[in-house]
């Protein structure tokens, strides 16, 4: 599977409004970079959760993925 786009809202370190990460078709390699806590791993957690229904913590405690202070 080749990801095309991921949109995150109230998911781990991402809040509101939604943030879209687009992966260009003409790029052979993608790199996500930035300081600690900005959401690099959250992008991959979102893809894993969307595809397989689990996250780094396993298949339980999905409420951990909702940003602190958000309803859903």
C-alpha atoms as a PDB file:
ATOM      1  CA  UNK A   1       0.000   0.000   0.000  1.00  0.00           C
ATOM      2  CA  UNK A   2       1.259   3.467  -0.873  1.00  0.00           C
ATOM      3  CA  UNK A   3      -0.262   6.258   1.215  1.00  0.00           C
ATOM      4  CA  UNK A   4      -1.528   9.314  -0.637  1.00  0.00           C
ATOM      5  CA  UNK A   5      -2.790  11.554   2.153  1.00  0.00           C
ATOM      6  CA  UNK A   6      -3.404  11.516   5.892  1.00  0.00           C
ATOM      7  CA  UNK A   7      -5.667  14.045   7.626  1.00  0.00           C
ATOM      8  CA  UNK A   8      -5.391  14.366  11.397  1.00  0.00           C
ATOM      9  CA  UNK A   9      -7.718  16.177  13.804  1.00  0.00           C
ATOM     10  CA  UNK A  10      -7.626  15.786  17.595  1.00  0.00           C
ATOM     11  CA  UNK A  11      -5.332  12.796  17.160  1.00  0.00           C
ATOM     12  CA  UNK A  12      -2.441  12.633  19.644  1.00  0.00           C
ATOM     13  CA  UNK A  13      -0.437  15.882  19.241  1.00  0.00           C
ATOM     14  CA  UNK A  14      -2.632  17.221  16.390  1.00  0.00           C
ATOM     15  CA  UNK A  15      -5.518  19.504  17.339  1.00  0.00           C
ATOM     16  CA  UNK A  16      -8.077  21.561  15.450  1.00  0.00           C
ATOM     17  CA  UNK A  17      -8.323  22.506  12.566  1.00  0.00           C
ATOM     18  CA  UNK A  18      -7.394  19.300  10.740  1.00  0.00           C
ATOM     19  CA  UNK A  19      -3.861  18.977   9.364  1.00  0.00           C
ATOM     20  CA  UNK A  20      -3.355  17.157   6.062  1.00  0.00           C
ATOM     21  CA  UNK A  21      -0.099  15.439   5.167  1.00  0.00           C
ATOM     22  CA  UNK A  22       0.069  14.698   1.427  1.00  0.00           C
ATOM     23  CA  UNK A  23       2.553  12.304  -0.117  1.00  0.00           C
ATOM     24  CA  UNK A  24       3.450  13.226  -3.709  1.00  0.00           C
ATOM     25  CA  UNK A  25       3.375  10.499  -6.349  1.00  0.00           C
ATOM     26  CA  UNK A  26       6.603  11.658  -7.961  1.00  0.00           C
ATOM     27  CA  UNK A  27       8.735  11.345  -4.817  1.00  0.00           C
ATOM     28  CA  UNK A  28      10.584   8.036  -4.287  1.00  0.00           C
ATOM     29  CA  UNK A  29      11.306   8.785  -0.607  1.00  0.00           C
ATOM     30  CA  UNK A  30       9.474  10.698   2.133  1.00  0.00           C
ATOM     31  CA  UNK A  31      11.025  12.100   5.285  1.00  0.00           C
ATOM     32  CA  UNK A  32       9.141  13.529   8.242  1.00  0.00           C
ATOM     33  CA  UNK A  33      11.364  15.736  10.329  1.00  0.00           C
ATOM     34  CA  UNK A  34      11.004  18.127  13.224  1.00  0.00           C
ATOM     35  CA  UNK A  35      11.537  18.613  16.944  1.00  0.00           C
ATOM     36  CA  UNK A  36      10.232  16.214  19.592  1.00  0.00           C
ATOM     37  CA  UNK A  37       6.498  16.324  20.197  1.00  0.00           C
ATOM     38  CA  UNK A  38       5.367  17.820  16.881  1.00  0.00           C
ATOM     39  CA  UNK A  39       3.621  14.660  15.659  1.00  0.00           C
ATOM     40  CA  UNK A  40       5.999  12.748  13.413  1.00  0.00           C
ATOM     41  CA  UNK A  41       5.133   9.398  14.981  1.00  0.00           C
ATOM     42  CA  UNK A  42       1.449  10.353  15.150  1.00  0.00           C
ATOM     43  CA  UNK A  43       1.295  10.359  11.343  1.00  0.00           C
ATOM     44  CA  UNK A  44       2.365   6.714  11.298  1.00  0.00           C
ATOM     45  CA  UNK A  45       0.147   5.880  14.284  1.00  0.00           C
ATOM     46  CA  UNK A  46      -2.819   7.274  12.346  1.00  0.00           C
ATOM     47  CA  UNK A  47      -2.038   5.138   9.299  1.00  0.00           C
ATOM     48  CA  UNK A  48      -1.608   2.026  11.444  1.00  0.00           C
ATOM     49  CA  UNK A  49      -4.846   2.707  13.316  1.00  0.00           C
ATOM     50  CA  UNK A  50      -6.798   3.373  10.105  1.00  0.00           C
ATOM     51  CA  UNK A  51      -5.539   0.196   8.441  1.00  0.00           C
ATOM     52  CA  UNK A  52      -5.344  -2.276  11.314  1.00  0.00           C
ATOM     53  CA  UNK A  53      -7.393  -0.827  14.191  1.00  0.00           C
ATOM     54  CA  UNK A  54      -4.483  -0.857  16.621  1.00  0.00           C
ATOM     55  CA  UNK A  55      -1.772   1.503  17.793  1.00  0.00           C
ATOM     56  CA  UNK A  56       1.543   1.313  19.636  1.00  0.00           C
ATOM     57  CA  UNK A  57      -0.356   0.551  22.827  1.00  0.00           C
ATOM     58  CA  UNK A  58      -2.177  -2.416  21.264  1.00  0.00           C
ATOM     59  CA  UNK A  59      -5.814  -2.883  20.310  1.00  0.00           C
ATOM     60  CA  UNK A  60      -7.259  -1.483  23.528  1.00  0.00           C
ATOM     61  CA  UNK A  61      -7.415   1.984  25.077  1.00  0.00           C
ATOM     62  CA  UNK A  62      -8.247   3.847  21.871  1.00  0.00           C
ATOM     63  CA  UNK A  63      -9.203   6.843  24.001  1.00  0.00           C
ATOM     64  CA  UNK A  64      -5.466   7.462  24.452  1.00  0.00           C
ATOM     65  CA  UNK A  65      -5.329   8.552  20.812  1.00  0.00           C
ATOM     66  CA  UNK A  66      -7.751  11.471  21.312  1.00  0.00           C
ATOM     67  CA  UNK A  67      -5.966  14.742  22.010  1.00  0.00           C
ATOM     68  CA  UNK A  68      -6.163  15.857  25.658  1.00  0.00           C
ATOM     69  CA  UNK A  69      -9.061  18.268  26.113  1.00  0.00           C
ATOM     70  CA  UNK A  70     -10.891  17.160  22.939  1.00  0.00           C
ATOM     71  CA  UNK A  71     -14.230  15.332  22.987  1.00  0.00           C
ATOM     72  CA  UNK A  72     -13.544  12.944  20.108  1.00  0.00           C
END
